[in-house]
Amino acid sequence: MKQRIITAIIAAAIFIPIVIYGNLPLVILSYLMGTVALYELLKMRKMSIFSFQGIISLILLWIILVPKQYIKVIENLGYTKLEYIFIAILIFLILTVVTKNKTTFDDISFLLLTILYVGMGFYYFVETRSSESGLTYILYSLFIIWATDSGAYFIGRAMGKNKLWPEISPNKTIEGALGGIICAIIVGILFFIFSDINISIIKLLIVSAILAVFGQLGDLVESAYKRHYQVKDSGTILPGHGGILDRFDSLLFVWPLINLLHLVN
């Protein structure tokens, strides 16, 4: 517990000032976290990020992470992000032939899904912060997920009887999941009262519940990854907390959703 607290304090002391400042430091942070998350997922599958496939994956991830304000940097090379993804797919497909199926179609599917999963999550982290009222929505997303996780944990321990999805996460309960949603709705009410969030109270309550649900789904997705590859934590970069994916799995679902719901401009 002491180690978890120390890690949380140090991480918050680095993360929160960068989020508040935004701009280039935030972009650099998204690249660092995205790179570590990709490394963690490749390691689960016993693939090296320094292999040819790993390097191509990393380059494609970095291209996806380029925010709108810097998009000309890659477009000046003559290709859009979608075209870079298509080029990477061609390279991966050719690799199955060149390696005589040592690199399989399963490997390629894993790599592409992993790149998009991590890349889109951290891309929308930057896009959310860069928008009007971006800091408010980033703080809102963080508090929503913290409240959902805490509510699910404590209410699940106190009242949980019915398992939510024992094959993936045996300790989670339906009561805990509902408790997490209720706590998220309370956070939504507090943000409506005390922040400048520009959304009606009814819509905010609905959105808070939706984000809580998808945040829990994001957590279950990462749990499914770990259970499939038989690992306890995604990594060890955060002592007492695991890896980057262990801390940001819910937010990788929530940040894109904030943009898909057109909450930010």
C-alpha atoms as a PDB file:
ATOM      1  CA  MET A   1       0.000   0.000   0.000  1.00  0.00           C
ATOM      2  CA  LYS A   2       2.845   2.412   0.872  1.00  0.00           C
ATOM      3  CA  GLN A   3       4.447   1.789  -2.514  1.00  0.00           C
ATOM      4  CA  ARG A   4       1.122   2.388  -4.298  1.00  0.00           C
ATOM      5  CA  ILE A   5       0.655   5.709  -2.500  1.00  0.00           C
ATOM      6  CA  ILE A   6       4.200   6.896  -3.234  1.00  0.00           C
ATOM      7  CA  THR A   7       3.867   5.958  -6.914  1.00  0.00           C
ATOM      8  CA  ALA A   8       0.481   7.678  -7.152  1.00  0.00           C
ATOM      9  CA  ILE A   9       1.858  10.901  -5.628  1.00  0.00           C
ATOM     10  CA  ILE A  10       4.889  10.977  -7.940  1.00  0.00           C
ATOM     11  CA  ALA A  11       2.804  10.130 -11.017  1.00  0.00           C
ATOM     12  CA  ALA A  12       0.214  12.790 -10.169  1.00  0.00           C
ATOM     13  CA  ALA A  13       2.966  15.371  -9.586  1.00  0.00           C
ATOM     14  CA  ILE A  14       4.176  14.749 -13.148  1.00  0.00           C
ATOM     15  CA  PHE A  15       0.884  14.070 -14.933  1.00  0.00           C
ATOM     16  CA  ILE A  16      -1.393  16.807 -13.575  1.00  0.00           C
ATOM     17  CA  PRO A  17       0.893  19.839 -14.272  1.00  0.00           C
ATOM     18  CA  ILE A  18       1.444  18.607 -17.844  1.00  0.00           C
ATOM     19  CA  VAL A  19      -2.299  18.179 -18.353  1.00  0.00           C
ATOM     20  CA  ILE A  20      -2.927  21.678 -16.987  1.00  0.00           C
ATOM     21  CA  TYR A  21      -0.244  23.229 -19.223  1.00  0.00           C
ATOM     22  CA  GLY A  22      -1.161  21.209 -22.322  1.00  0.00           C
ATOM     23  CA  ASN A  23       0.510  22.045 -25.643  1.00  0.00           C
ATOM     24  CA  LEU A  24       3.717  20.263 -26.708  1.00  0.00           C
ATOM     25  CA  PRO A  25       4.522  18.708 -23.292  1.00  0.00           C
ATOM     26  CA  LEU A  26       1.120  16.989 -23.409  1.00  0.00           C
ATOM     27  CA  VAL A  27       1.824  15.664 -26.912  1.00  0.00           C
ATOM     28  CA  ILE A  28       5.190  14.313 -25.745  1.00  0.00           C
ATOM     29  CA  LEU A  29       3.492  12.681 -22.744  1.00  0.00           C
ATOM     30  CA  SER A  30       0.933  11.007 -25.022  1.00  0.00           C
ATOM     31  CA  TYR A  31       3.756   9.646 -27.182  1.00  0.00           C
ATOM     32  CA  LEU A  32       5.605   8.287 -24.162  1.00  0.00           C
ATOM     33  CA  MET A  33       2.515   6.635 -22.683  1.00  0.00           C
ATOM     34  CA  GLY A  34       1.414   5.284 -26.049  1.00  0.00           C
ATOM     35  CA  THR A  35       4.850   3.804 -26.710  1.00  0.00           C
ATOM     36  CA  VAL A  36       4.951   2.107 -23.312  1.00  0.00           C
ATOM     37  CA  ALA A  37       1.400   0.773 -23.767  1.00  0.00           C
ATOM     38  CA  LEU A  38       2.336  -0.684 -27.167  1.00  0.00           C
ATOM     39  CA  TYR A  39       5.435  -2.272 -25.629  1.00  0.00           C
ATOM     40  CA  GLU A  40       3.304  -3.806 -22.866  1.00  0.00           C
ATOM     41  CA  LEU A  41       0.831  -5.351 -25.302  1.00  0.00           C
ATOM     42  CA  LEU A  42       3.542  -6.714 -27.584  1.00  0.00           C
ATOM     43  CA  LYS A  43       5.302  -8.186 -24.571  1.00  0.00           C
ATOM     44  CA  MET A  44       2.083  -9.983 -23.571  1.00  0.00           C
ATOM     45  CA  ARG A  45       2.171 -11.739 -26.932  1.00  0.00           C
ATOM     46  CA  LYS A  46       5.925 -12.353 -26.563  1.00  0.00           C
ATOM     47  CA  MET A  47       6.732 -10.023 -29.451  1.00  0.00           C
ATOM     48  CA  SER A  48       9.626  -7.569 -29.305  1.00  0.00           C
ATOM     49  CA  ILE A  49       9.072  -3.892 -30.019  1.00  0.00           C
ATOM     50  CA  PHE A  50      12.591  -3.919 -31.513  1.00  0.00           C
ATOM     51  CA  SER A  51      11.654  -6.541 -34.114  1.00  0.00           C
ATOM     52  CA  PHE A  52      10.803  -5.450 -37.666  1.00  0.00           C
ATOM     53  CA  GLN A  53       7.073  -5.859 -36.924  1.00  0.00           C
ATOM     54  CA  GLY A  54       7.486  -3.959 -33.678  1.00  0.00           C
ATOM     55  CA  ILE A  55       9.283  -1.029 -35.318  1.00  0.00           C
ATOM     56  CA  ILE A  56       6.664  -0.751 -38.084  1.00  0.00           C
ATOM     57  CA  SER A  57       3.968  -0.871 -35.387  1.00  0.00           C
ATOM     58  CA  LEU A  58       5.716   1.858 -33.427  1.00  0.00           C
ATOM     59  CA  ILE A  59       6.080   4.116 -36.483  1.00  0.00           C
ATOM     60  CA  LEU A  60       2.407   3.666 -37.351  1.00  0.00           C
ATOM     61  CA  LEU A  61       1.416   4.380 -33.741  1.00  0.00           C
ATOM     62  CA  TRP A  62       3.438   7.602 -33.779  1.00  0.00           C
ATOM     63  CA  ILE A  63       1.737   8.653 -37.031  1.00  0.00           C
ATOM     64  CA  ILE A  64      -1.724   8.015 -35.569  1.00  0.00           C
ATOM     65  CA  LEU A  65      -0.785  10.024 -32.472  1.00  0.00           C
ATOM     66  CA  VAL A  66       0.065  13.155 -34.491  1.00  0.00           C
ATOM     67  CA  PRO A  67      -2.500  15.740 -33.319  1.00  0.00           C
ATOM     68  CA  LYS A  68      -4.461  18.010 -35.650  1.00  0.00           C
ATOM     69  CA  GLN A  69      -2.257  21.031 -35.016  1.00  0.00           C
ATOM     70  CA  TYR A  70       0.789  19.122 -36.291  1.00  0.00           C
ATOM     71  CA  ILE A  71      -0.913  17.135 -39.079  1.00  0.00           C
ATOM     72  CA  LYS A  72       0.897  19.096 -41.814  1.00  0.00           C
ATOM     73  CA  VAL A  73       4.147  17.512 -40.639  1.00  0.00           C
ATOM     74  CA  ILE A  74       3.106  14.136 -42.051  1.00  0.00           C
ATOM     75  CA  GLU A  75       0.802  15.375 -44.821  1.00  0.00           C
ATOM     76  CA  ASN A  76       3.712  17.313 -46.320  1.00  0.00           C
ATOM     77  CA  LEU A  77       5.259  13.912 -47.027  1.00  0.00           C
ATOM     78  CA  GLY A  78       2.377  13.254 -49.393  1.00  0.00           C
ATOM     79  CA  TYR A  79       0.160  10.848 -47.456  1.00  0.00           C
ATOM     80  CA  THR A  80      -2.775  11.017 -45.070  1.00  0.00           C
ATOM     81  CA  LYS A  81      -3.032   8.988 -41.867  1.00  0.00           C
ATOM     82  CA  LEU A  82      -5.387   6.525 -43.566  1.00  0.00           C
ATOM     83  CA  GLU A  83      -2.870   6.000 -46.364  1.00  0.00           C
ATOM     84  CA  TYR A  84      -0.101   5.327 -43.850  1.00  0.00           C
ATOM     85  CA  ILE A  85      -2.315   2.691 -42.215  1.00  0.00           C
ATOM     86  CA  PHE A  86      -2.874   1.110 -45.635  1.00  0.00           C
ATOM     87  CA  ILE A  87       0.883   1.101 -46.323  1.00  0.00           C
ATOM     88  CA  ALA A  88       1.509  -0.597 -42.969  1.00  0.00           C
ATOM     89  CA  ILE A  89      -1.121  -3.244 -43.764  1.00  0.00           C
ATOM     90  CA  LEU A  90       0.613  -3.968 -47.083  1.00  0.00           C
ATOM     91  CA  ILE A  91       3.984  -4.295 -45.328  1.00  0.00           C
ATOM     92  CA  PHE A  92       2.527  -6.660 -42.731  1.00  0.00           C
ATOM     93  CA  LEU A  93       0.861  -8.795 -45.419  1.00  0.00           C
ATOM     94  CA  ILE A  94       4.065  -9.006 -47.428  1.00  0.00           C
ATOM     95  CA  LEU A  95       5.860  -9.994 -44.240  1.00  0.00           C
ATOM     96  CA  THR A  96       3.748 -13.157 -43.966  1.00  0.00           C
ATOM     97  CA  VAL A  97       5.133 -14.245 -47.341  1.00  0.00           C
ATOM     98  CA  VAL A  98       8.731 -13.159 -46.752  1.00  0.00           C
ATOM     99  CA  THR A  99       8.892 -14.941 -43.388  1.00  0.00           C
ATOM    100  CA  LYS A 100       7.087 -18.019 -44.766  1.00  0.00           C
ATOM    101  CA  ASN A 101       4.235 -17.568 -42.293  1.00  0.00           C
ATOM    102  CA  LYS A 102       6.488 -17.190 -39.249  1.00  0.00           C
ATOM    103  CA  THR A 103       4.618 -13.922 -38.994  1.00  0.00           C
ATOM    104  CA  THR A 104       1.019 -15.094 -39.127  1.00  0.00           C
ATOM    105  CA  PHE A 105      -2.260 -13.404 -39.995  1.00  0.00           C
ATOM    106  CA  ASP A 106      -3.087 -13.670 -36.298  1.00  0.00           C
ATOM    107  CA  ASP A 107       0.055 -11.650 -35.534  1.00  0.00           C
ATOM    108  CA  ILE A 108      -0.935  -9.003 -38.065  1.00  0.00           C
ATOM    109  CA  SER A 109      -4.483  -8.769 -36.707  1.00  0.00           C
ATOM    110  CA  PHE A 110      -3.109  -8.413 -33.186  1.00  0.00           C
ATOM    111  CA  LEU A 111      -0.653  -5.693 -34.236  1.00  0.00           C
ATOM    112  CA  LEU A 112      -3.211  -3.623 -36.139  1.00  0.00           C
ATOM    113  CA  LEU A 113      -5.859  -3.882 -33.420  1.00  0.00           C
ATOM    114  CA  THR A 114      -3.278  -3.029 -30.754  1.00  0.00           C
ATOM    115  CA  ILE A 115      -2.014   0.014 -32.667  1.00  0.00           C
ATOM    116  CA  LEU A 116      -5.533   1.370 -33.175  1.00  0.00           C
ATOM    117  CA  TYR A 117      -6.591   0.585 -29.595  1.00  0.00           C
ATOM    118  CA  VAL A 118      -3.655   2.431 -28.060  1.00  0.00           C
ATOM    119  CA  GLY A 119      -3.265   5.052 -30.773  1.00  0.00           C
ATOM    120  CA  MET A 120      -6.842   6.291 -30.902  1.00  0.00           C
ATOM    121  CA  GLY A 121      -7.095   6.403 -27.120  1.00  0.00           C
ATOM    122  CA  PHE A 122      -4.051   8.604 -26.588  1.00  0.00           C
ATOM    123  CA  TYR A 123      -4.740  10.620 -29.759  1.00  0.00           C
ATOM    124  CA  TYR A 124      -8.082  11.678 -28.314  1.00  0.00           C
ATOM    125  CA  PHE A 125      -6.401  12.416 -24.982  1.00  0.00           C
ATOM    126  CA  VAL A 126      -4.542  15.237 -26.736  1.00  0.00           C
ATOM    127  CA  GLU A 127      -7.505  16.271 -28.904  1.00  0.00           C
ATOM    128  CA  THR A 128      -9.782  16.516 -25.874  1.00  0.00           C
ATOM    129  CA  ARG A 129      -7.283  18.697 -23.998  1.00  0.00           C
ATOM    130  CA  SER A 130      -6.673  20.889 -27.068  1.00  0.00           C
ATOM    131  CA  SER A 131     -10.357  21.701 -27.495  1.00  0.00           C
ATOM    132  CA  GLU A 132     -12.286  24.583 -26.015  1.00  0.00           C
ATOM    133  CA  SER A 133     -12.943  23.750 -22.332  1.00  0.00           C
ATOM    134  CA  GLY A 134     -10.515  20.863 -22.870  1.00  0.00           C
ATOM    135  CA  LEU A 135      -8.996  21.013 -19.397  1.00  0.00           C
ATOM    136  CA  THR A 136     -12.458  20.814 -17.826  1.00  0.00           C
ATOM    137  CA  TYR A 137     -13.308  17.712 -19.863  1.00  0.00           C
ATOM    138  CA  ILE A 138      -9.985  16.014 -19.124  1.00  0.00           C
ATOM    139  CA  LEU A 139     -10.488  16.594 -15.394  1.00  0.00           C
ATOM    140  CA  TYR A 140     -14.107  15.466 -15.755  1.00  0.00           C
ATOM    141  CA  SER A 141     -12.995  12.220 -17.454  1.00  0.00           C
ATOM    142  CA  LEU A 142     -10.380  11.551 -14.774  1.00  0.00           C
ATOM    143  CA  PHE A 143     -12.829  12.093 -11.909  1.00  0.00           C
ATOM    144  CA  ILE A 144     -15.498  10.027 -13.663  1.00  0.00           C
ATOM    145  CA  ILE A 145     -13.135   7.061 -13.955  1.00  0.00           C
ATOM    146  CA  TRP A 146     -11.710   7.449 -10.442  1.00  0.00           C
ATOM    147  CA  ALA A 147     -15.251   7.607  -9.028  1.00  0.00           C
ATOM    148  CA  THR A 148     -16.384   4.639 -11.125  1.00  0.00           C
ATOM    149  CA  ASP A 149     -13.403   2.507 -10.093  1.00  0.00           C
ATOM    150  CA  SER A 150     -13.670   3.462  -6.418  1.00  0.00           C
ATOM    151  CA  GLY A 151     -17.441   3.059  -6.323  1.00  0.00           C
ATOM    152  CA  ALA A 152     -17.287  -0.313  -8.044  1.00  0.00           C
ATOM    153  CA  TYR A 153     -14.578  -1.512  -5.654  1.00  0.00           C
ATOM    154  CA  PHE A 154     -16.066  -0.388  -2.339  1.00  0.00           C
ATOM    155  CA  ILE A 155     -19.724  -1.027  -3.162  1.00  0.00           C
ATOM    156  CA  GLY A 156     -18.776  -4.351  -4.716  1.00  0.00           C
ATOM    157  CA  ARG A 157     -16.948  -5.383  -1.546  1.00  0.00           C
ATOM    158  CA  ALA A 158     -19.812  -4.243   0.682  1.00  0.00           C
ATOM    159  CA  MET A 159     -22.792  -5.454  -1.315  1.00  0.00           C
ATOM    160  CA  GLY A 160     -21.537  -7.518  -4.227  1.00  0.00           C
ATOM    161  CA  LYS A 161     -23.126 -10.956  -4.600  1.00  0.00           C
ATOM    162  CA  ASN A 162     -23.631 -11.483  -8.330  1.00  0.00           C
ATOM    163  CA  LYS A 163     -20.538 -11.838 -10.504  1.00  0.00           C
ATOM    164  CA  LEU A 164     -20.342  -9.475 -13.465  1.00  0.00           C
ATOM    165  CA  TRP A 165     -18.060 -11.470 -15.772  1.00  0.00           C
ATOM    166  CA  PRO A 166     -16.167 -14.146 -13.801  1.00  0.00           C
ATOM    167  CA  GLU A 167     -14.415 -15.613 -16.875  1.00  0.00           C
ATOM    168  CA  ILE A 168     -12.601 -12.308 -17.411  1.00  0.00           C
ATOM    169  CA  SER A 169     -12.515 -10.551 -14.039  1.00  0.00           C
ATOM    170  CA  PRO A 170     -13.647 -12.851 -11.207  1.00  0.00           C
ATOM    171  CA  ASN A 171     -13.765 -10.154  -8.502  1.00  0.00           C
ATOM    172  CA  LYS A 172     -16.108  -7.722 -10.288  1.00  0.00           C
ATOM    173  CA  THR A 173     -19.793  -7.807  -9.399  1.00  0.00           C
ATOM    174  CA  ILE A 174     -22.983  -6.426 -10.920  1.00  0.00           C
ATOM    175  CA  GLU A 175     -23.666  -4.496  -7.706  1.00  0.00           C
ATOM    176  CA  GLY A 176     -20.200  -2.967  -7.881  1.00  0.00           C
ATOM    177  CA  ALA A 177     -20.657  -1.994 -11.530  1.00  0.00           C
ATOM    178  CA  LEU A 178     -23.969  -0.275 -10.717  1.00  0.00           C
ATOM    179  CA  GLY A 179     -22.338   1.426  -7.735  1.00  0.00           C
ATOM    180  CA  GLY A 180     -19.617   2.755 -10.013  1.00  0.00           C
ATOM    181  CA  ILE A 181     -22.217   4.228 -12.360  1.00  0.00           C
ATOM    182  CA  ILE A 182     -24.016   5.914  -9.459  1.00  0.00           C
ATOM    183  CA  CYS A 183     -20.730   7.441  -8.230  1.00  0.00           C
ATOM    184  CA  ALA A 184     -19.999   8.698 -11.747  1.00  0.00           C
ATOM    185  CA  ILE A 185     -23.406  10.380 -11.892  1.00  0.00           C
ATOM    186  CA  ILE A 186     -22.643  12.111  -8.570  1.00  0.00           C
ATOM    187  CA  VAL A 187     -19.381  13.392 -10.074  1.00  0.00           C
ATOM    188  CA  GLY A 188     -21.384  14.702 -13.035  1.00  0.00           C
ATOM    189  CA  ILE A 189     -23.655  16.637 -10.662  1.00  0.00           C
ATOM    190  CA  LEU A 190     -20.645  18.123  -8.856  1.00  0.00           C
ATOM    191  CA  PHE A 191     -19.055  19.199 -12.132  1.00  0.00           C
ATOM    192  CA  PHE A 192     -22.310  20.849 -13.206  1.00  0.00           C
ATOM    193  CA  ILE A 193     -22.416  22.809  -9.942  1.00  0.00           C
ATOM    194  CA  PHE A 194     -18.755  23.716  -9.476  1.00  0.00           C
ATOM    195  CA  SER A 195     -17.181  23.818 -12.959  1.00  0.00           C
ATOM    196  CA  ASP A 196     -17.715  25.680 -16.218  1.00  0.00           C
ATOM    197  CA  ILE A 197     -18.685  22.516 -18.101  1.00  0.00           C
ATOM    198  CA  ASN A 198     -20.967  23.616 -20.949  1.00  0.00           C
ATOM    199  CA  ILE A 199     -23.648  20.931 -21.017  1.00  0.00           C
ATOM    200  CA  SER A 200     -27.180  20.662 -19.597  1.00  0.00           C
ATOM    201  CA  ILE A 201     -27.659  18.768 -16.339  1.00  0.00           C
ATOM    202  CA  ILE A 202     -29.814  16.042 -17.928  1.00  0.00           C
ATOM    203  CA  LYS A 203     -27.342  15.435 -20.735  1.00  0.00           C
ATOM    204  CA  LEU A 204     -24.452  15.493 -18.273  1.00  0.00           C
ATOM    205  CA  LEU A 205     -26.056  12.832 -16.080  1.00  0.00           C
ATOM    206  CA  ILE A 206     -26.697  10.628 -19.117  1.00  0.00           C
ATOM    207  CA  VAL A 207     -23.170  11.150 -20.431  1.00  0.00           C
ATOM    208  CA  SER A 208     -21.670  10.424 -17.005  1.00  0.00           C
ATOM    209  CA  ALA A 209     -23.514   7.105 -16.880  1.00  0.00           C
ATOM    210  CA  ILE A 210     -22.438   6.238 -20.442  1.00  0.00           C
ATOM    211  CA  LEU A 211     -18.797   7.059 -19.721  1.00  0.00           C
ATOM    212  CA  ALA A 212     -18.922   4.983 -16.531  1.00  0.00           C
ATOM    213  CA  VAL A 213     -20.253   1.995 -18.493  1.00  0.00           C
ATOM    214  CA  PHE A 214     -17.652   2.309 -21.247  1.00  0.00           C
ATOM    215  CA  GLY A 215     -14.911   2.949 -18.701  1.00  0.00           C
ATOM    216  CA  GLN A 216     -15.754  -0.369 -17.063  1.00  0.00           C
ATOM    217  CA  LEU A 217     -15.844  -2.042 -20.479  1.00  0.00           C
ATOM    218  CA  GLY A 218     -12.371  -0.643 -21.157  1.00  0.00           C
ATOM    219  CA  ASP A 219     -11.180  -2.149 -17.906  1.00  0.00           C
ATOM    220  CA  LEU A 220     -12.724  -5.505 -18.841  1.00  0.00           C
ATOM    221  CA  VAL A 221     -11.105  -5.410 -22.296  1.00  0.00           C
ATOM    222  CA  GLU A 222      -7.672  -5.037 -20.735  1.00  0.00           C
ATOM    223  CA  SER A 223      -8.516  -7.770 -18.221  1.00  0.00           C
ATOM    224  CA  ALA A 224      -9.445 -10.000 -21.168  1.00  0.00           C
ATOM    225  CA  TYR A 225      -6.079  -9.253 -22.796  1.00  0.00           C
ATOM    226  CA  LYS A 226      -4.233 -10.187 -19.591  1.00  0.00           C
ATOM    227  CA  ARG A 227      -6.280 -13.311 -18.953  1.00  0.00           C
ATOM    228  CA  HIS A 228      -5.832 -14.484 -22.550  1.00  0.00           C
ATOM    229  CA  TYR A 229      -2.060 -14.030 -22.347  1.00  0.00           C
ATOM    230  CA  GLN A 230      -1.908 -15.190 -18.715  1.00  0.00           C
ATOM    231  CA  VAL A 231      -0.252 -12.141 -17.153  1.00  0.00           C
ATOM    232  CA  LYS A 232      -1.153 -10.442 -13.879  1.00  0.00           C
ATOM    233  CA  ASP A 233      -0.265  -6.856 -14.842  1.00  0.00           C
ATOM    234  CA  SER A 234       0.390  -5.247 -18.198  1.00  0.00           C
ATOM    235  CA  GLY A 235       3.767  -3.966 -16.971  1.00  0.00           C
ATOM    236  CA  THR A 236       5.863  -2.810 -14.051  1.00  0.00           C
ATOM    237  CA  ILE A 237       6.595   0.827 -14.904  1.00  0.00           C
ATOM    238  CA  LEU A 238       4.323   2.025 -12.073  1.00  0.00           C
ATOM    239  CA  PRO A 239       5.354   0.132  -8.916  1.00  0.00           C
ATOM    240  CA  GLY A 240       2.302  -1.038  -7.015  1.00  0.00           C
ATOM    241  CA  HIS A 241       0.008  -0.133  -9.909  1.00  0.00           C
ATOM    242  CA  GLY A 242       1.295  -2.227 -12.787  1.00  0.00           C
ATOM    243  CA  GLY A 243       1.726  -0.801 -16.272  1.00  0.00           C
ATOM    244  CA  ILE A 244       0.401   2.121 -18.286  1.00  0.00           C
ATOM    245  CA  LEU A 245      -2.470   0.007 -19.591  1.00  0.00           C
ATOM    246  CA  ASP A 246      -3.435  -0.968 -16.057  1.00  0.00           C
ATOM    247  CA  ARG A 247      -3.925   2.720 -15.217  1.00  0.00           C
ATOM    248  CA  PHE A 248      -5.342   4.029 -18.506  1.00  0.00           C
ATOM    249  CA  ASP A 249      -7.424   1.114 -19.841  1.00  0.00           C
ATOM    250  CA  SER A 250     -10.723   2.824 -18.987  1.00  0.00           C
ATOM    251  CA  LEU A 251      -9.615   6.220 -20.276  1.00  0.00           C
ATOM    252  CA  LEU A 252      -8.579   4.727 -23.629  1.00  0.00           C
ATOM    253  CA  PHE A 253     -12.311   4.102 -24.127  1.00  0.00           C
ATOM    254  CA  VAL A 254     -13.565   7.295 -22.486  1.00  0.00           C
ATOM    255  CA  TRP A 255     -11.437   9.917 -24.304  1.00  0.00           C
ATOM    256  CA  PRO A 256     -12.523   8.855 -27.818  1.00  0.00           C
ATOM    257  CA  LEU A 257     -16.121   8.618 -26.617  1.00  0.00           C
ATOM    258  CA  ILE A 258     -16.067  12.206 -25.330  1.00  0.00           C
ATOM    259  CA  ASN A 259     -15.244  13.270 -28.884  1.00  0.00           C
ATOM    260  CA  LEU A 260     -17.635  10.835 -30.575  1.00  0.00           C
ATOM    261  CA  LEU A 261     -20.462  12.237 -28.434  1.00  0.00           C
ATOM    262  CA  HIS A 262     -19.457  15.742 -29.638  1.00  0.00           C
ATOM    263  CA  LEU A 263     -18.980  17.034 -26.117  1.00  0.00           C
ATOM    264  CA  VAL A 264     -15.929  19.023 -27.221  1.00  0.00           C
ATOM    265  CA  ASN A 265     -15.258  21.152 -30.307  1.00  0.00           C
END
